Amino acid sequence: MSEPSPSAFAAPWEAQVFAMVVSLQEAGLFTWSEWAQRLGREIRPAGGTERPADYGAWLTTLETILAERGVAAHDTVAARAAAFLRAAEATPHGEPIRLENDPLYRP
């Protein structure tokens, strides 16, 4: 029996970020050339320390592009992430996480 091949993604959220980037590029929000330049600046900022080219860098780059294009402001993304974390903490183990589980959720 052969060993399973390692996944390109360490966690499901990494695959989701990858899929969002591909989908948004295909929808015309940015070109691959623009993405590569922006990701490169995130990985190696001018005068800064180089960081790993991991999916955290992909996520930060995507959030920046979304904010610049008026798709989703940084504070909107941060608020949604905080709501998701609160919902996760309030969700029993093994149950799906829903934003409705956020104690501060208001429909």
PDB file of N, CA and C in Angstrom:
ATOM      1  N   MET A   1       0.847  -1.174   0.000  1.00  0.00           N
ATOM      2  CA  MET A   1       0.000   0.000   0.000  1.00  0.00           C
ATOM      3  C   MET A   1       0.892   1.237   0.000  1.00  0.00           C
ATOM      4  N   SER A   2       0.583   2.190  -0.850  1.00  0.00           N
ATOM      5  CA  SER A   2       1.405   3.396  -0.931  1.00  0.00           C
ATOM      6  C   SER A   2       0.921   4.434   0.072  1.00  0.00           C
ATOM      7  N   GLU A   3       1.839   5.330   0.411  1.00  0.00           N
ATOM      8  CA  GLU A   3       1.522   6.426   1.331  1.00  0.00           C
ATOM      9  C   GLU A   3       0.612   7.425   0.616  1.00  0.00           C
ATOM     10  N   PRO A   4      -0.369   7.970   1.329  1.00  0.00           N
ATOM     11  CA  PRO A   4      -1.184   9.006   0.683  1.00  0.00           C
ATOM     12  C   PRO A   4      -0.342  10.239   0.400  1.00  0.00           C
ATOM     13  N   SER A   5      -0.649  10.902  -0.699  1.00  0.00           N
ATOM     14  CA  SER A   5       0.115  12.103  -1.034  1.00  0.00           C
ATOM     15  C   SER A   5      -0.282  13.228  -0.082  1.00  0.00           C
ATOM     16  N   PRO A   6       0.687  14.057   0.292  1.00  0.00           N
ATOM     17  CA  PRO A   6       0.363  15.153   1.209  1.00  0.00           C
ATOM     18  C   PRO A   6      -0.543  16.172   0.524  1.00  0.00           C
ATOM     19  N   SER A   7      -1.409  16.766   1.291  1.00  0.00           N
ATOM     20  CA  SER A   7      -2.322  17.779   0.764  1.00  0.00           C
ATOM     21  C   SER A   7      -1.568  19.087   0.553  1.00  0.00           C
ATOM     22  N   ALA A   8      -2.007  19.838  -0.423  1.00  0.00           N
ATOM     23  CA  ALA A   8      -1.428  21.169  -0.639  1.00  0.00           C
ATOM     24  C   ALA A   8      -1.903  22.137   0.435  1.00  0.00           C
ATOM     25  N   PHE A   9      -2.915  21.730   1.180  1.00  0.00           N
ATOM     26  CA  PHE A   9      -3.516  22.595   2.195  1.00  0.00           C
ATOM     27  C   PHE A   9      -3.405  21.943   3.565  1.00  0.00           C
ATOM     28  N   ALA A  10      -2.978  22.731   4.548  1.00  0.00           N
ATOM     29  CA  ALA A  10      -2.839  22.218   5.909  1.00  0.00           C
ATOM     30  C   ALA A  10      -4.166  22.235   6.654  1.00  0.00           C
ATOM     31  N   ALA A  11      -5.111  23.042   6.202  1.00  0.00           N
ATOM     32  CA  ALA A  11      -6.409  23.165   6.866  1.00  0.00           C
ATOM     33  C   ALA A  11      -7.463  23.540   5.822  1.00  0.00           C
ATOM     34  N   PRO A  12      -8.725  23.222   6.086  1.00  0.00           N
ATOM     35  CA  PRO A  12      -9.780  23.533   5.116  1.00  0.00           C
ATOM     36  C   PRO A  12      -9.864  25.014   4.733  1.00  0.00           C
ATOM     37  N   TRP A  13      -9.601  25.915   5.668  1.00  0.00           N
ATOM     38  CA  TRP A  13      -9.707  27.343   5.348  1.00  0.00           C
ATOM     39  C   TRP A  13      -8.708  27.740   4.268  1.00  0.00           C
ATOM     40  N   GLU A  14      -7.559  27.060   4.211  1.00  0.00           N
ATOM     41  CA  GLU A  14      -6.572  27.377   3.174  1.00  0.00           C
ATOM     42  C   GLU A  14      -7.130  27.056   1.792  1.00  0.00           C
ATOM     43  N   ALA A  15      -7.799  25.918   1.673  1.00  0.00           N
ATOM     44  CA  ALA A  15      -8.420  25.550   0.397  1.00  0.00           C
ATOM     45  C   ALA A  15      -9.513  26.543   0.030  1.00  0.00           C
ATOM     46  N   GLN A  16     -10.237  27.030   1.029  1.00  0.00           N
ATOM     47  CA  GLN A  16     -11.296  28.002   0.769  1.00  0.00           C
ATOM     48  C   GLN A  16     -10.723  29.329   0.279  1.00  0.00           C
ATOM     49  N   VAL A  17      -9.626  29.784   0.881  1.00  0.00           N
ATOM     50  CA  VAL A  17      -8.979  31.019   0.422  1.00  0.00           C
ATOM     51  C   VAL A  17      -8.499  30.835  -1.015  1.00  0.00           C
ATOM     52  N   PHE A  18      -7.862  29.708  -1.292  1.00  0.00           N
ATOM     53  CA  PHE A  18      -7.385  29.418  -2.639  1.00  0.00           C
ATOM     54  C   PHE A  18      -8.546  29.468  -3.635  1.00  0.00           C
ATOM     55  N   ALA A  19      -9.655  28.809  -3.296  1.00  0.00           N
ATOM     56  CA  ALA A  19     -10.811  28.769  -4.192  1.00  0.00           C
ATOM     57  C   ALA A  19     -11.408  30.161  -4.403  1.00  0.00           C
ATOM     58  N   MET A  20     -11.459  30.965  -3.346  1.00  0.00           N
ATOM     59  CA  MET A  20     -11.985  32.331  -3.492  1.00  0.00           C
ATOM     60  C   MET A  20     -11.103  33.159  -4.411  1.00  0.00           C
ATOM     61  N   VAL A  21      -9.789  33.041  -4.252  1.00  0.00           N
ATOM     62  CA  VAL A  21      -8.864  33.798  -5.102  1.00  0.00           C
ATOM     63  C   VAL A  21      -9.051  33.396  -6.564  1.00  0.00           C
ATOM     64  N   VAL A  22      -9.101  32.092  -6.826  1.00  0.00           N
ATOM     65  CA  VAL A  22      -9.282  31.624  -8.206  1.00  0.00           C
ATOM     66  C   VAL A  22     -10.612  32.127  -8.767  1.00  0.00           C
ATOM     67  N   SER A  23     -11.683  32.002  -7.997  1.00  0.00           N
ATOM     68  CA  SER A  23     -13.006  32.437  -8.464  1.00  0.00           C
ATOM     69  C   SER A  23     -13.055  33.935  -8.742  1.00  0.00           C
ATOM     70  N   LEU A  24     -12.476  34.730  -7.846  1.00  0.00           N
ATOM     71  CA  LEU A  24     -12.499  36.182  -8.039  1.00  0.00           C
ATOM     72  C   LEU A  24     -11.625  36.611  -9.209  1.00  0.00           C
ATOM     73  N   GLN A  25     -10.523  35.901  -9.439  1.00  0.00           N
ATOM     74  CA  GLN A  25      -9.697  36.201 -10.607  1.00  0.00           C
ATOM     75  C   GLN A  25     -10.469  35.861 -11.875  1.00  0.00           C
ATOM     76  N   GLU A  26     -11.123  34.704 -11.881  1.00  0.00           N
ATOM     77  CA  GLU A  26     -11.903  34.306 -13.057  1.00  0.00           C
ATOM     78  C   GLU A  26     -13.070  35.263 -13.303  1.00  0.00           C
ATOM     79  N   ALA A  27     -13.592  35.872 -12.241  1.00  0.00           N
ATOM     80  CA  ALA A  27     -14.684  36.844 -12.367  1.00  0.00           C
ATOM     81  C   ALA A  27     -14.183  38.220 -12.800  1.00  0.00           C
ATOM     82  N   GLY A  28     -12.854  38.398 -12.868  1.00  0.00           N
ATOM     83  CA  GLY A  28     -12.287  39.644 -13.364  1.00  0.00           C
ATOM     84  C   GLY A  28     -11.973  40.693 -12.310  1.00  0.00           C
ATOM     85  N   LEU A  29     -11.991  40.319 -11.035  1.00  0.00           N
ATOM     86  CA  LEU A  29     -11.685  41.311  -9.997  1.00  0.00           C
ATOM     87  C   LEU A  29     -10.226  41.745 -10.063  1.00  0.00           C
ATOM     88  N   PHE A  30      -9.341  40.846 -10.485  1.00  0.00           N
ATOM     89  CA  PHE A  30      -7.921  41.149 -10.646  1.00  0.00           C
ATOM     90  C   PHE A  30      -7.325  40.153 -11.626  1.00  0.00           C
ATOM     91  N   THR A  31      -6.145  40.486 -12.157  1.00  0.00           N
ATOM     92  CA  THR A  31      -5.426  39.576 -13.051  1.00  0.00           C
ATOM     93  C   THR A  31      -4.433  38.760 -12.232  1.00  0.00           C
ATOM     94  N   TRP A  32      -3.936  37.681 -12.816  1.00  0.00           N
ATOM     95  CA  TRP A  32      -2.928  36.880 -12.105  1.00  0.00           C
ATOM     96  C   TRP A  32      -1.648  37.681 -11.913  1.00  0.00           C
ATOM     97  N   SER A  33      -1.321  38.526 -12.884  1.00  0.00           N
ATOM     98  CA  SER A  33      -0.134  39.368 -12.745  1.00  0.00           C
ATOM     99  C   SER A  33      -0.287  40.311 -11.553  1.00  0.00           C
ATOM    100  N   GLU A  34      -1.456  40.944 -11.453  1.00  0.00           N
ATOM    101  CA  GLU A  34      -1.710  41.833 -10.322  1.00  0.00           C
ATOM    102  C   GLU A  34      -1.674  41.058  -9.007  1.00  0.00           C
ATOM    103  N   TRP A  35      -2.278  39.872  -8.990  1.00  0.00           N
ATOM    104  CA  TRP A  35      -2.271  39.047  -7.768  1.00  0.00           C
ATOM    105  C   TRP A  35      -0.838  38.730  -7.349  1.00  0.00           C
ATOM    106  N   ALA A  36      -0.019  38.318  -8.309  1.00  0.00           N
ATOM    107  CA  ALA A  36       1.370  37.957  -7.994  1.00  0.00           C
ATOM    108  C   ALA A  36       2.129  39.149  -7.427  1.00  0.00           C
ATOM    109  N   GLN A  37       1.924  40.328  -8.012  1.00  0.00           N
ATOM    110  CA  GLN A  37       2.595  41.528  -7.494  1.00  0.00           C
ATOM    111  C   GLN A  37       2.138  41.848  -6.079  1.00  0.00           C
ATOM    112  N   ARG A  38       0.838  41.794  -5.838  1.00  0.00           N
ATOM    113  CA  ARG A  38       0.291  42.114  -4.514  1.00  0.00           C
ATOM    114  C   ARG A  38       0.730  41.095  -3.469  1.00  0.00           C
ATOM    115  N   LEU A  39       0.692  39.821  -3.822  1.00  0.00           N
ATOM    116  CA  LEU A  39       1.134  38.782  -2.892  1.00  0.00           C
ATOM    117  C   LEU A  39       2.621  38.934  -2.607  1.00  0.00           C
ATOM    118  N   GLY A  40       3.394  39.265  -3.634  1.00  0.00           N
ATOM    119  CA  GLY A  40       4.823  39.497  -3.441  1.00  0.00           C
ATOM    120  C   GLY A  40       5.096  40.627  -2.471  1.00  0.00           C
ATOM    121  N   ARG A  41       4.312  41.700  -2.558  1.00  0.00           N
ATOM    122  CA  ARG A  41       4.482  42.818  -1.613  1.00  0.00           C
ATOM    123  C   ARG A  41       4.096  42.414  -0.197  1.00  0.00           C
ATOM    124  N   GLU A  42       3.131  41.514  -0.061  1.00  0.00           N
ATOM    125  CA  GLU A  42       2.733  41.038   1.271  1.00  0.00           C
ATOM    126  C   GLU A  42       3.823  40.144   1.860  1.00  0.00           C
ATOM    127  N   ILE A  43       4.423  39.324   1.016  1.00  0.00           N
ATOM    128  CA  ILE A  43       5.461  38.403   1.484  1.00  0.00           C
ATOM    129  C   ILE A  43       6.751  39.142   1.800  1.00  0.00           C
ATOM    130  N   ARG A  44       7.095  40.121   0.960  1.00  0.00           N
ATOM    131  CA  ARG A  44       8.329  40.884   1.159  1.00  0.00           C
ATOM    132  C   ARG A  44       8.030  42.376   1.043  1.00  0.00           C
ATOM    133  N   PRO A  45       7.526  42.975   2.134  1.00  0.00           N
ATOM    134  CA  PRO A  45       7.227  44.411   2.079  1.00  0.00           C
ATOM    135  C   PRO A  45       8.500  45.233   1.933  1.00  0.00           C
ATOM    136  N   ALA A  46       8.389  46.377   1.297  1.00  0.00           N
ATOM    137  CA  ALA A  46       9.544  47.264   1.117  1.00  0.00           C
ATOM    138  C   ALA A  46      10.139  47.603   2.475  1.00  0.00           C
ATOM    139  N   GLY A  47      11.420  47.322   2.629  1.00  0.00           N
ATOM    140  CA  GLY A  47      12.117  47.624   3.873  1.00  0.00           C
ATOM    141  C   GLY A  47      11.744  46.725   5.032  1.00  0.00           C
ATOM    142  N   GLY A  48      10.906  45.727   4.785  1.00  0.00           N
ATOM    143  CA  GLY A  48      10.463  44.846   5.864  1.00  0.00           C
ATOM    144  C   GLY A  48      11.113  43.478   5.802  1.00  0.00           C
ATOM    145  N   THR A  49      10.736  42.660   6.731  1.00  0.00           N
ATOM    146  CA  THR A  49      11.249  41.299   6.807  1.00  0.00           C
ATOM    147  C   THR A  49      10.373  40.378   5.969  1.00  0.00           C
ATOM    148  N   GLU A  50      11.020  39.514   5.200  1.00  0.00           N
ATOM    149  CA  GLU A  50      10.276  38.562   4.384  1.00  0.00           C
ATOM    150  C   GLU A  50       9.527  37.599   5.290  1.00  0.00           C
ATOM    151  N   ARG A  51       8.291  37.267   4.904  1.00  0.00           N
ATOM    152  CA  ARG A  51       7.497  36.311   5.665  1.00  0.00           C
ATOM    153  C   ARG A  51       7.199  35.112   4.784  1.00  0.00           C
ATOM    154  N   PRO A  52       6.757  34.006   5.359  1.00  0.00           N
ATOM    155  CA  PRO A  52       6.454  32.827   4.543  1.00  0.00           C
ATOM    156  C   PRO A  52       5.323  33.109   3.553  1.00  0.00           C
ATOM    157  N   ALA A  53       5.400  32.467   2.405  1.00  0.00           N
ATOM    158  CA  ALA A  53       4.349  32.601   1.388  1.00  0.00           C
ATOM    159  C   ALA A  53       3.244  31.595   1.696  1.00  0.00           C
ATOM    160  N   ASP A  54       2.660  31.721   2.875  1.00  0.00           N
ATOM    161  CA  ASP A  54       1.621  30.789   3.296  1.00  0.00           C
ATOM    162  C   ASP A  54       0.238  31.350   2.974  1.00  0.00           C
ATOM    163  N   TYR A  55      -0.784  30.610   3.335  1.00  0.00           N
ATOM    164  CA  TYR A  55      -2.132  31.065   3.018  1.00  0.00           C
ATOM    165  C   TYR A  55      -2.585  32.218   3.905  1.00  0.00           C
ATOM    166  N   GLY A  56      -1.890  32.475   5.004  1.00  0.00           N
ATOM    167  CA  GLY A  56      -2.146  33.695   5.770  1.00  0.00           C
ATOM    168  C   GLY A  56      -1.826  34.916   4.925  1.00  0.00           C
ATOM    169  N   ALA A  57      -0.730  34.839   4.164  1.00  0.00           N
ATOM    170  CA  ALA A  57      -0.370  35.930   3.246  1.00  0.00           C
ATOM    171  C   ALA A  57      -1.402  36.039   2.127  1.00  0.00           C
ATOM    172  N   TRP A  58      -1.898  34.904   1.646  1.00  0.00           N
ATOM    173  CA  TRP A  58      -2.945  34.927   0.624  1.00  0.00           C
ATOM    174  C   TRP A  58      -4.183  35.634   1.163  1.00  0.00           C
ATOM    175  N   LEU A  59      -4.580  35.291   2.398  1.00  0.00           N
ATOM    176  CA  LEU A  59      -5.779  35.880   2.987  1.00  0.00           C
ATOM    177  C   LEU A  59      -5.625  37.389   3.169  1.00  0.00           C
ATOM    178  N   THR A  60      -4.483  37.824   3.682  1.00  0.00           N
ATOM    179  CA  THR A  60      -4.247  39.254   3.880  1.00  0.00           C
ATOM    180  C   THR A  60      -4.273  39.994   2.546  1.00  0.00           C
ATOM    181  N   THR A  61      -3.656  39.409   1.529  1.00  0.00           N
ATOM    182  CA  THR A  61      -3.651  40.021   0.196  1.00  0.00           C
ATOM    183  C   THR A  61      -5.067  40.121  -0.355  1.00  0.00           C
ATOM    184  N   LEU A  62      -5.838  39.058  -0.210  1.00  0.00           N
ATOM    185  CA  LEU A  62      -7.215  39.071  -0.695  1.00  0.00           C
ATOM    186  C   LEU A  62      -8.044  40.120   0.034  1.00  0.00           C
ATOM    187  N   GLU A  63      -7.916  40.200   1.356  1.00  0.00           N
ATOM    188  CA  GLU A  63      -8.662  41.202   2.123  1.00  0.00           C
ATOM    189  C   GLU A  63      -8.303  42.622   1.674  1.00  0.00           C
ATOM    190  N   THR A  64      -7.030  42.850   1.390  1.00  0.00           N
ATOM    191  CA  THR A  64      -6.593  44.176   0.940  1.00  0.00           C
ATOM    192  C   THR A  64      -7.208  44.527  -0.410  1.00  0.00           C
ATOM    193  N   ILE A  65      -7.185  43.588  -1.342  1.00  0.00           N
ATOM    194  CA  ILE A  65      -7.769  43.834  -2.666  1.00  0.00           C
ATOM    195  C   ILE A  65      -9.275  44.068  -2.550  1.00  0.00           C
ATOM    196  N   LEU A  66      -9.955  43.273  -1.739  1.00  0.00           N
ATOM    197  CA  LEU A  66     -11.402  43.444  -1.566  1.00  0.00           C
ATOM    198  C   LEU A  66     -11.730  44.822  -1.008  1.00  0.00           C
ATOM    199  N   ALA A  67     -10.924  45.286  -0.052  1.00  0.00           N
ATOM    200  CA  ALA A  67     -11.152  46.613   0.536  1.00  0.00           C
ATOM    201  C   ALA A  67     -10.887  47.709  -0.495  1.00  0.00           C
ATOM    202  N   GLU A  68      -9.791  47.594  -1.229  1.00  0.00           N
ATOM    203  CA  GLU A  68      -9.446  48.616  -2.226  1.00  0.00           C
ATOM    204  C   GLU A  68     -10.488  48.717  -3.336  1.00  0.00           C
ATOM    205  N   ARG A  69     -11.088  47.593  -3.691  1.00  0.00           N
ATOM    206  CA  ARG A  69     -12.076  47.580  -4.775  1.00  0.00           C
ATOM    207  C   ARG A  69     -13.485  47.885  -4.274  1.00  0.00           C
ATOM    208  N   GLY A  70     -13.622  48.114  -2.975  1.00  0.00           N
ATOM    209  CA  GLY A  70     -14.931  48.430  -2.416  1.00  0.00           C
ATOM    210  C   GLY A  70     -15.857  47.237  -2.284  1.00  0.00           C
ATOM    211  N   VAL A  71     -15.302  46.040  -2.343  1.00  0.00           N
ATOM    212  CA  VAL A  71     -16.112  44.827  -2.224  1.00  0.00           C
ATOM    213  C   VAL A  71     -16.434  44.539  -0.763  1.00  0.00           C
ATOM    214  N   ALA A  72     -15.439  44.653   0.103  1.00  0.00           N
ATOM    215  CA  ALA A  72     -15.615  44.408   1.541  1.00  0.00           C
ATOM    216  C   ALA A  72     -14.552  45.193   2.295  1.00  0.00           C
ATOM    217  N   ALA A  73     -14.990  46.121   3.130  1.00  0.00           N
ATOM    218  CA  ALA A  73     -14.062  46.945   3.907  1.00  0.00           C
ATOM    219  C   ALA A  73     -13.375  46.104   4.977  1.00  0.00           C
ATOM    220  N   HIS A  74     -12.156  46.525   5.348  1.00  0.00           N
ATOM    221  CA  HIS A  74     -11.406  45.797   6.375  1.00  0.00           C
ATOM    222  C   HIS A  74     -12.220  45.636   7.655  1.00  0.00           C
ATOM    223  N   ASP A  75     -12.900  46.705   8.089  1.00  0.00           N
ATOM    224  CA  ASP A  75     -13.652  46.606   9.344  1.00  0.00           C
ATOM    225  C   ASP A  75     -14.848  45.664   9.216  1.00  0.00           C
ATOM    226  N   THR A  76     -15.437  45.570   8.035  1.00  0.00           N
ATOM    227  CA  THR A  76     -16.535  44.629   7.809  1.00  0.00           C
ATOM    228  C   THR A  76     -16.031  43.197   7.895  1.00  0.00           C
ATOM    229  N   VAL A  77     -14.887  42.935   7.271  1.00  0.00           N
ATOM    230  CA  VAL A  77     -14.292  41.598   7.323  1.00  0.00           C
ATOM    231  C   VAL A  77     -13.909  41.252   8.758  1.00  0.00           C
ATOM    232  N   ALA A  78     -13.309  42.199   9.477  1.00  0.00           N
ATOM    233  CA  ALA A  78     -12.911  41.957  10.866  1.00  0.00           C
ATOM    234  C   ALA A  78     -14.129  41.682  11.745  1.00  0.00           C
ATOM    235  N   ALA A  79     -15.213  42.425  11.535  1.00  0.00           N
ATOM    236  CA  ALA A  79     -16.430  42.209  12.323  1.00  0.00           C
ATOM    237  C   ALA A  79     -17.026  40.833  12.049  1.00  0.00           C
ATOM    238  N   ARG A  80     -17.012  40.410  10.791  1.00  0.00           N
ATOM    239  CA  ARG A  80     -17.551  39.091  10.451  1.00  0.00           C
ATOM    240  C   ARG A  80     -16.675  37.984  11.036  1.00  0.00           C
ATOM    241  N   ALA A  81     -15.363  38.165  11.001  1.00  0.00           N
ATOM    242  CA  ALA A  81     -14.455  37.174  11.592  1.00  0.00           C
ATOM    243  C   ALA A  81     -14.685  37.067  13.096  1.00  0.00           C
ATOM    244  N   ALA A  82     -14.865  38.200  13.770  1.00  0.00           N
ATOM    245  CA  ALA A  82     -15.126  38.187  15.214  1.00  0.00           C
ATOM    246  C   ALA A  82     -16.453  37.494  15.513  1.00  0.00           C
ATOM    247  N   ALA A  83     -17.473  37.751  14.692  1.00  0.00           N
ATOM    248  CA  ALA A  83     -18.769  37.101  14.878  1.00  0.00           C
ATOM    249  C   ALA A  83     -18.643  35.592  14.702  1.00  0.00           C
ATOM    250  N   PHE A  84     -17.860  35.176  13.710  1.00  0.00           N
ATOM    251  CA  PHE A  84     -17.664  33.747  13.478  1.00  0.00           C
ATOM    252  C   PHE A  84     -16.958  33.101  14.668  1.00  0.00           C
ATOM    253  N   LEU A  85     -15.948  33.780  15.224  1.00  0.00           N
ATOM    254  CA  LEU A  85     -15.250  33.232  16.393  1.00  0.00           C
ATOM    255  C   LEU A  85     -16.186  33.109  17.588  1.00  0.00           C
ATOM    256  N   ARG A  86     -17.026  34.112  17.824  1.00  0.00           N
ATOM    257  CA  ARG A  86     -17.994  34.028  18.920  1.00  0.00           C
ATOM    258  C   ARG A  86     -18.973  32.886  18.681  1.00  0.00           C
ATOM    259  N   ALA A  87     -19.415  32.738  17.433  1.00  0.00           N
ATOM    260  CA  ALA A  87     -20.335  31.648  17.096  1.00  0.00           C
ATOM    261  C   ALA A  87     -19.669  30.296  17.318  1.00  0.00           C
ATOM    262  N   ALA A  88     -18.394  30.183  16.948  1.00  0.00           N
ATOM    263  CA  ALA A  88     -17.668  28.922  17.145  1.00  0.00           C
ATOM    264  C   ALA A  88     -17.568  28.576  18.624  1.00  0.00           C
ATOM    265  N   GLU A  89     -17.287  29.578  19.448  1.00  0.00           N
ATOM    266  CA  GLU A  89     -17.182  29.339  20.890  1.00  0.00           C
ATOM    267  C   GLU A  89     -18.520  28.927  21.492  1.00  0.00           C
ATOM    268  N   ALA A  90     -19.618  29.385  20.918  1.00  0.00           N
ATOM    269  CA  ALA A  90     -20.948  29.093  21.453  1.00  0.00           C
ATOM    270  C   ALA A  90     -21.572  27.830  20.856  1.00  0.00           C
ATOM    271  N   THR A  91     -20.888  27.208  19.902  1.00  0.00           N
ATOM    272  CA  THR A  91     -21.432  26.036  19.224  1.00  0.00           C
ATOM    273  C   THR A  91     -20.945  24.762  19.903  1.00  0.00           C
ATOM    274  N   PRO A  92     -21.863  23.846  20.238  1.00  0.00           N
ATOM    275  CA  PRO A  92     -21.438  22.575  20.829  1.00  0.00           C
ATOM    276  C   PRO A  92     -20.529  21.800  19.874  1.00  0.00           C
ATOM    277  N   HIS A  93     -19.584  21.078  20.446  1.00  0.00           N
ATOM    278  CA  HIS A  93     -18.639  20.283  19.662  1.00  0.00           C
ATOM    279  C   HIS A  93     -19.396  19.338  18.728  1.00  0.00           C
ATOM    280  N   GLY A  94     -18.947  19.281  17.499  1.00  0.00           N
ATOM    281  CA  GLY A  94     -19.539  18.381  16.521  1.00  0.00           C
ATOM    282  C   GLY A  94     -20.708  18.971  15.750  1.00  0.00           C
ATOM    283  N   GLU A  95     -21.178  20.125  16.176  1.00  0.00           N
ATOM    284  CA  GLU A  95     -22.286  20.784  15.482  1.00  0.00           C
ATOM    285  C   GLU A  95     -21.728  21.780  14.465  1.00  0.00           C
ATOM    286  N   PRO A  96     -22.468  22.041  13.389  1.00  0.00           N
ATOM    287  CA  PRO A  96     -21.995  23.039  12.427  1.00  0.00           C
ATOM    288  C   PRO A  96     -21.994  24.437  13.045  1.00  0.00           C
ATOM    289  N   ILE A  97     -21.005  25.210  12.681  1.00  0.00           N
ATOM    290  CA  ILE A  97     -20.914  26.586  13.174  1.00  0.00           C
ATOM    291  C   ILE A  97     -21.780  27.463  12.277  1.00  0.00           C
ATOM    292  N   ARG A  98     -22.708  28.168  12.906  1.00  0.00           N
ATOM    293  CA  ARG A  98     -23.582  29.089  12.182  1.00  0.00           C
ATOM    294  C   ARG A  98     -23.491  30.457  12.841  1.00  0.00           C
ATOM    295  N   LEU A  99     -23.512  31.490  12.045  1.00  0.00           N
ATOM    296  CA  LEU A  99     -23.433  32.837  12.609  1.00  0.00           C
ATOM    297  C   LEU A  99     -24.583  33.122  13.567  1.00  0.00           C
ATOM    298  N   GLU A 100     -25.696  32.432  13.391  1.00  0.00           N
ATOM    299  CA  GLU A 100     -26.827  32.601  14.305  1.00  0.00           C
ATOM    300  C   GLU A 100     -26.465  32.187  15.733  1.00  0.00           C
ATOM    301  N   ASN A 101     -25.395  31.395  15.903  1.00  0.00           N
ATOM    302  CA  ASN A 101     -24.948  30.977  17.239  1.00  0.00           C
ATOM    303  C   ASN A 101     -24.158  32.069  17.953  1.00  0.00           C
ATOM    304  N   ASP A 102     -23.790  33.118  17.239  1.00  0.00           N
ATOM    305  CA  ASP A 102     -23.092  34.253  17.850  1.00  0.00           C
ATOM    306  C   ASP A 102     -24.047  34.909  18.841  1.00  0.00           C
ATOM    307  N   PRO A 103     -23.661  35.007  20.118  1.00  0.00           N
ATOM    308  CA  PRO A 103     -24.552  35.619  21.104  1.00  0.00           C
ATOM    309  C   PRO A 103     -24.945  37.065  20.758  1.00  0.00           C
ATOM    310  N   LEU A 104     -24.152  37.740  19.943  1.00  0.00           N
ATOM    311  CA  LEU A 104     -24.464  39.121  19.562  1.00  0.00           C
ATOM    312  C   LEU A 104     -25.219  39.217  18.233  1.00  0.00           C
ATOM    313  N   TYR A 105     -25.538  38.067  17.644  1.00  0.00           N
ATOM    314  CA  TYR A 105     -26.186  38.037  16.327  1.00  0.00           C
ATOM    315  C   TYR A 105     -27.553  38.712  16.372  1.00  0.00           C
ATOM    316  N   ARG A 106     -27.790  39.577  15.404  1.00  0.00           N
ATOM    317  CA  ARG A 106     -29.087  40.233  15.232  1.00  0.00           C
ATOM    318  C   ARG A 106     -29.457  40.117  13.759  1.00  0.00           C
ATOM    319  N   PRO A 107     -30.552  39.396  13.455  1.00  0.00           N
ATOM    320  CA  PRO A 107     -30.937  39.239  12.033  1.00  0.00           C
ATOM    321  C   PRO A 107     -31.376  40.540  11.396  1.00  0.00           C
TER     322      PRO A 107
END
